[in-house]
Amino acid sequence: MNSYELNLLMRPELEEKQRDELVELVEKIAKQNGGEVTKREAAGKKALAYPISKMSEAWYYFLNLSLPPEAVEKLEAKLRVEEKLLRTLVVKKEKKEILSKKKVKAAQK
């Protein structure tokens, strides 16, 4: 199982309930494919660097996922057709990055 970071940019007019439903959809897809969401962070509504679909703002969400490699394609395919999303990005986390974060947390305790 690999660790991934998923970045979601959601349409600015979405209500909190609709945004939560999208995040729950990601969690459901992850569970169906043998993975899980390990961290969920809502960064809020922010201005975009350039307009996307004539919109200048979006809701930013960051999710850390633990998924088998074959599940990433399935997740991306389902998110690609979701009209409430402006952009998505899935990035595989390197093992060095994961280990160094654990060391930093251990040192802070």
Protein backbone atom coordinates (compact mmCIF):
# COMPACT_ATOMS: atom_id res chain seq x y z
CA MET A 1 0.00 0.00 0.00
CA ASN A 2 1.32 3.44 -0.96
CA SER A 3 0.73 6.87 0.55
CA TYR A 4 -0.75 9.61 -1.61
CA GLU A 5 -1.82 13.21 -1.20
CA LEU A 6 -5.03 14.25 -2.97
CA ASN A 7 -5.69 17.94 -3.63
CA LEU A 8 -9.24 18.95 -4.49
CA LEU A 9 -10.39 22.33 -5.81
CA MET A 10 -14.15 22.59 -5.48
CA ARG A 11 -16.52 25.09 -7.07
CA PRO A 12 -16.86 28.27 -4.96
CA GLU A 13 -20.68 28.20 -4.78
CA LEU A 14 -20.85 24.82 -3.01
CA GLU A 15 -22.39 24.67 0.45
CA GLU A 16 -20.59 22.91 3.30
CA LYS A 17 -22.88 19.88 3.02
CA GLN A 18 -22.04 19.45 -0.68
CA ARG A 19 -18.31 19.75 0.01
CA ASP A 20 -18.55 17.15 2.78
CA GLU A 21 -20.39 14.81 0.40
CA LEU A 22 -17.50 15.03 -2.08
CA VAL A 23 -14.96 14.22 0.61
CA GLU A 24 -17.13 11.31 1.77
CA LEU A 25 -17.23 10.09 -1.85
CA VAL A 26 -13.43 9.96 -1.87
CA GLU A 27 -13.45 8.08 1.45
CA LYS A 28 -16.01 5.61 0.07
CA ILE A 29 -13.96 4.99 -3.10
CA ALA A 30 -10.82 4.48 -1.01
CA LYS A 31 -12.53 1.95 1.28
CA GLN A 32 -14.06 0.06 -1.65
CA ASN A 33 -10.57 -0.38 -3.10
CA GLY A 34 -8.89 -1.51 0.12
CA GLY A 35 -7.52 1.87 1.22
CA GLU A 36 -8.30 4.61 3.70
CA VAL A 37 -8.16 8.37 4.22
CA THR A 38 -5.54 9.03 6.90
CA LYS A 39 -5.81 12.82 7.09
CA ARG A 40 -8.41 15.35 5.98
CA GLU A 41 -7.74 19.10 5.85
CA ALA A 42 -10.00 21.88 4.62
CA ALA A 43 -7.87 24.89 3.70
CA GLY A 44 -10.85 27.14 3.00
CA LYS A 45 -11.92 29.33 0.13
CA LYS A 46 -9.00 30.92 -1.68
CA ALA A 47 -8.32 32.94 -4.80
CA LEU A 48 -7.00 31.03 -7.79
CA ALA A 49 -3.77 32.07 -9.51
CA TYR A 50 -5.66 32.08 -12.82
CA PRO A 51 -9.34 31.59 -13.73
CA ILE A 52 -10.59 28.03 -14.15
CA SER A 53 -13.94 27.70 -15.96
CA LYS A 54 -14.40 31.48 -15.53
CA MET A 55 -14.08 31.18 -11.73
CA SER A 56 -11.54 33.07 -9.68
CA GLU A 57 -12.02 31.29 -6.31
CA ALA A 58 -12.26 27.69 -5.12
CA TRP A 59 -12.57 25.64 -1.94
CA TYR A 60 -9.29 23.82 -1.22
CA TYR A 61 -9.20 20.39 0.41
CA PHE A 62 -6.15 18.19 1.07
CA LEU A 63 -6.47 14.49 1.85
CA ASN A 64 -3.78 11.96 2.70
CA LEU A 65 -4.65 8.50 1.41
CA SER A 66 -3.27 5.04 1.86
CA LEU A 67 -4.16 3.09 -1.30
CA PRO A 68 -3.02 0.17 -3.42
CA PRO A 69 -1.48 1.45 -6.69
CA GLU A 70 -4.29 0.10 -8.90
CA ALA A 71 -6.91 2.02 -6.89
CA VAL A 72 -5.47 5.41 -7.85
CA GLU A 73 -6.66 5.10 -11.45
CA LYS A 74 -10.16 4.19 -10.30
CA LEU A 75 -10.24 7.17 -7.93
CA GLU A 76 -9.02 9.60 -10.60
CA ALA A 77 -11.55 8.27 -13.13
CA LYS A 78 -14.48 8.80 -10.76
CA LEU A 79 -13.32 12.27 -9.73
CA ARG A 80 -12.73 13.32 -13.35
CA VAL A 81 -16.47 13.15 -14.12
CA GLU A 82 -17.56 14.97 -10.95
CA GLU A 83 -18.91 18.37 -12.01
CA LYS A 84 -18.50 19.95 -8.56
CA LEU A 85 -14.71 19.74 -8.84
CA LEU A 86 -12.61 22.27 -10.73
CA ARG A 87 -9.30 20.40 -10.42
CA THR A 88 -7.79 17.35 -8.73
CA LEU A 89 -4.21 16.28 -8.22
CA VAL A 90 -2.93 12.98 -6.82
CA VAL A 91 0.71 12.88 -5.75
CA LYS A 92 2.54 9.80 -4.48
CA LYS A 93 4.44 10.52 -1.26
CA GLU A 94 8.00 9.30 -1.08
CA LYS A 95 9.01 7.02 1.77
CA LYS A 96 11.72 9.49 2.85
CA GLU A 97 9.10 12.20 3.26
CA ILE A 98 6.86 9.94 5.35
CA LEU A 99 9.72 8.82 7.61
CA SER A 100 11.04 12.35 8.15
CA LYS A 101 7.58 13.57 9.23
CA LYS A 102 7.36 10.73 11.76
CA LYS A 103 10.79 11.69 13.15
CA VAL A 104 9.74 15.34 13.48
CA LYS A 105 6.58 14.35 15.37
CA ALA A 106 8.58 12.07 17.67
CA ALA A 107 11.06 14.87 18.41
CA GLN A 108 8.24 17.28 19.28
CA LYS A 109 6.87 14.98 22.00
